[in-house]
Protein backbone atom coordinates (compact mmCIF):
# COMPACT_ATOMS: atom_id res chain seq x y z
CA MET A 1 -35.31 -24.11 -51.84
CA ARG A 2 -31.89 -24.05 -53.20
CA ALA A 3 -30.63 -27.13 -55.30
CA LEU A 4 -27.58 -29.10 -54.06
CA ALA A 5 -24.48 -29.13 -56.33
CA PRO A 6 -24.25 -32.51 -58.10
CA GLU A 7 -21.11 -33.64 -56.17
CA LEU A 8 -22.69 -32.77 -52.81
CA PHE A 9 -25.77 -34.64 -53.69
CA TYR A 10 -23.77 -37.73 -54.82
CA ALA A 11 -21.88 -37.58 -51.46
CA LEU A 12 -25.10 -37.25 -49.44
CA SER A 13 -26.74 -40.25 -51.33
CA THR A 14 -23.77 -42.56 -51.28
CA PRO A 15 -23.55 -44.71 -48.11
CA HIS A 16 -20.59 -43.44 -46.10
CA TYR A 17 -19.35 -44.09 -42.56
CA SER A 18 -16.31 -44.30 -40.39
CA LEU A 19 -15.46 -46.65 -37.56
CA ARG A 20 -12.88 -47.12 -34.93
CA VAL A 21 -10.64 -50.30 -35.42
CA ARG A 22 -9.06 -51.71 -32.32
CA GLY A 23 -8.00 -55.24 -32.80
CA SER A 24 -10.24 -56.41 -35.51
CA ALA A 25 -13.54 -55.23 -37.01
CA PHE A 26 -15.72 -55.65 -40.02
CA LEU A 27 -15.69 -52.71 -42.47
CA TRP A 28 -18.37 -54.28 -44.44
CA GLY A 29 -20.47 -57.51 -43.84
CA SER A 30 -20.32 -59.75 -40.81
CA ALA A 31 -19.19 -63.13 -39.55
CA GLY A 32 -22.83 -63.82 -39.16
CA ILE A 33 -23.58 -63.81 -42.89
CA ALA A 34 -24.37 -67.42 -43.88
CA ASN A 35 -23.76 -67.07 -47.66
CA ASP A 36 -21.30 -65.24 -49.80
CA LEU A 37 -23.18 -62.28 -51.44
CA SER A 38 -23.23 -61.55 -55.18
CA PHE A 39 -24.55 -58.62 -57.00
CA ASP A 40 -25.35 -58.04 -60.63
CA LYS A 41 -22.70 -55.41 -60.65
CA PRO A 42 -20.10 -55.57 -57.82
CA LEU A 43 -20.30 -52.94 -55.20
CA ILE A 44 -17.09 -51.02 -54.63
CA LEU A 45 -15.92 -50.38 -51.08
CA HIS A 46 -13.63 -47.40 -50.77
CA VAL A 47 -11.42 -47.58 -47.62
CA ARG A 48 -9.26 -44.76 -46.23
CA ASN A 49 -7.16 -45.14 -43.06
CA ASP A 50 -6.84 -41.97 -40.91
CA PRO A 51 -3.68 -39.94 -41.54
CA THR A 52 -2.86 -39.92 -37.87
CA GLY A 53 -3.80 -43.56 -37.20
CA GLU A 54 -2.05 -46.89 -37.15
CA PRO A 55 -1.46 -49.22 -40.10
CA ILE A 56 -4.25 -51.70 -40.69
CA ALA A 57 -4.39 -55.07 -42.51
CA ILE A 58 -7.32 -55.76 -44.73
CA GLU A 59 -8.85 -59.02 -45.60
CA THR A 60 -11.91 -60.48 -47.30
CA VAL A 61 -13.97 -63.05 -45.42
CA ALA A 62 -16.01 -65.88 -46.94
CA ALA A 63 -19.21 -67.23 -45.36
CA SER A 64 -17.24 -70.44 -44.65
CA GLY A 65 -14.90 -68.50 -42.60
CA ALA A 66 -11.93 -68.57 -45.06
CA ARG A 67 -9.90 -65.28 -45.09
CA HIS A 68 -7.90 -63.83 -47.94
CA LYS A 69 -5.38 -61.13 -47.05
CA ILE A 70 -5.58 -58.08 -49.37
CA GLY A 71 -2.74 -56.19 -47.79
CA THR A 72 -1.85 -53.33 -45.43
CA LEU A 73 -2.80 -49.58 -45.50
CA GLY A 74 -0.60 -47.24 -43.74
CA PRO A 75 -1.75 -43.91 -42.27
CA GLY A 76 -3.64 -41.86 -44.83
CA GLU A 77 -3.61 -44.53 -47.41
CA SER A 78 -6.65 -45.86 -49.28
CA VAL A 79 -7.74 -48.64 -51.46
CA SER A 80 -10.98 -49.64 -53.48
CA LEU A 81 -12.21 -53.20 -53.27
CA PRO A 82 -14.95 -54.98 -55.27
CA ILE A 83 -17.54 -56.57 -53.21
CA GLN A 84 -18.47 -59.81 -54.89
CA LYS A 85 -18.86 -63.45 -53.68
CA ILE A 86 -17.81 -62.68 -50.09
CA ALA A 87 -19.55 -62.17 -46.59
CA GLY A 88 -17.40 -59.37 -45.36
CA VAL A 89 -14.32 -57.16 -45.46
CA ALA A 90 -12.40 -56.96 -42.22
CA ALA A 91 -9.59 -54.85 -40.99
CA SER A 92 -7.19 -55.33 -37.97
CA CYS A 93 -4.85 -53.01 -36.22
CA LYS A 94 -2.33 -53.51 -33.45
CA GLY A 95 -3.22 -50.16 -31.94
CA GLU A 96 -6.21 -48.02 -32.83
CA THR A 97 -7.35 -46.05 -35.88
CA MET A 98 -10.38 -44.53 -37.57
CA VAL A 99 -11.35 -45.87 -40.97
CA GLY A 100 -13.61 -44.16 -43.41
CA CYS A 101 -15.68 -46.10 -45.92
CA ILE A 102 -17.82 -45.29 -48.87
CA ILE A 103 -19.86 -47.91 -50.77
CA GLN A 104 -20.44 -47.23 -54.46
CA SER A 105 -22.86 -49.13 -56.51
């Protein structure tokens, strides 16, 4: 059996996914999480908006329901966010776009 190149192995072992955002969607977490989550070392959520998509607004969501606006990503833009003491990260879009996410520990 042939060994995987280190960079390919890392990509396969790192949680990654993409989702369609129409209106509003959680990129990580959920409105159903009852407590803000904390980690010994914050997770990093890397978010990339599709180059042909619509702009998205990104915000963190606390278990209390409080929302904190992070900012806006245009088509093809990306940002990395620490995941610490929150219940979710949400994105909203006036139209529709695909958003790619990678969680790094």
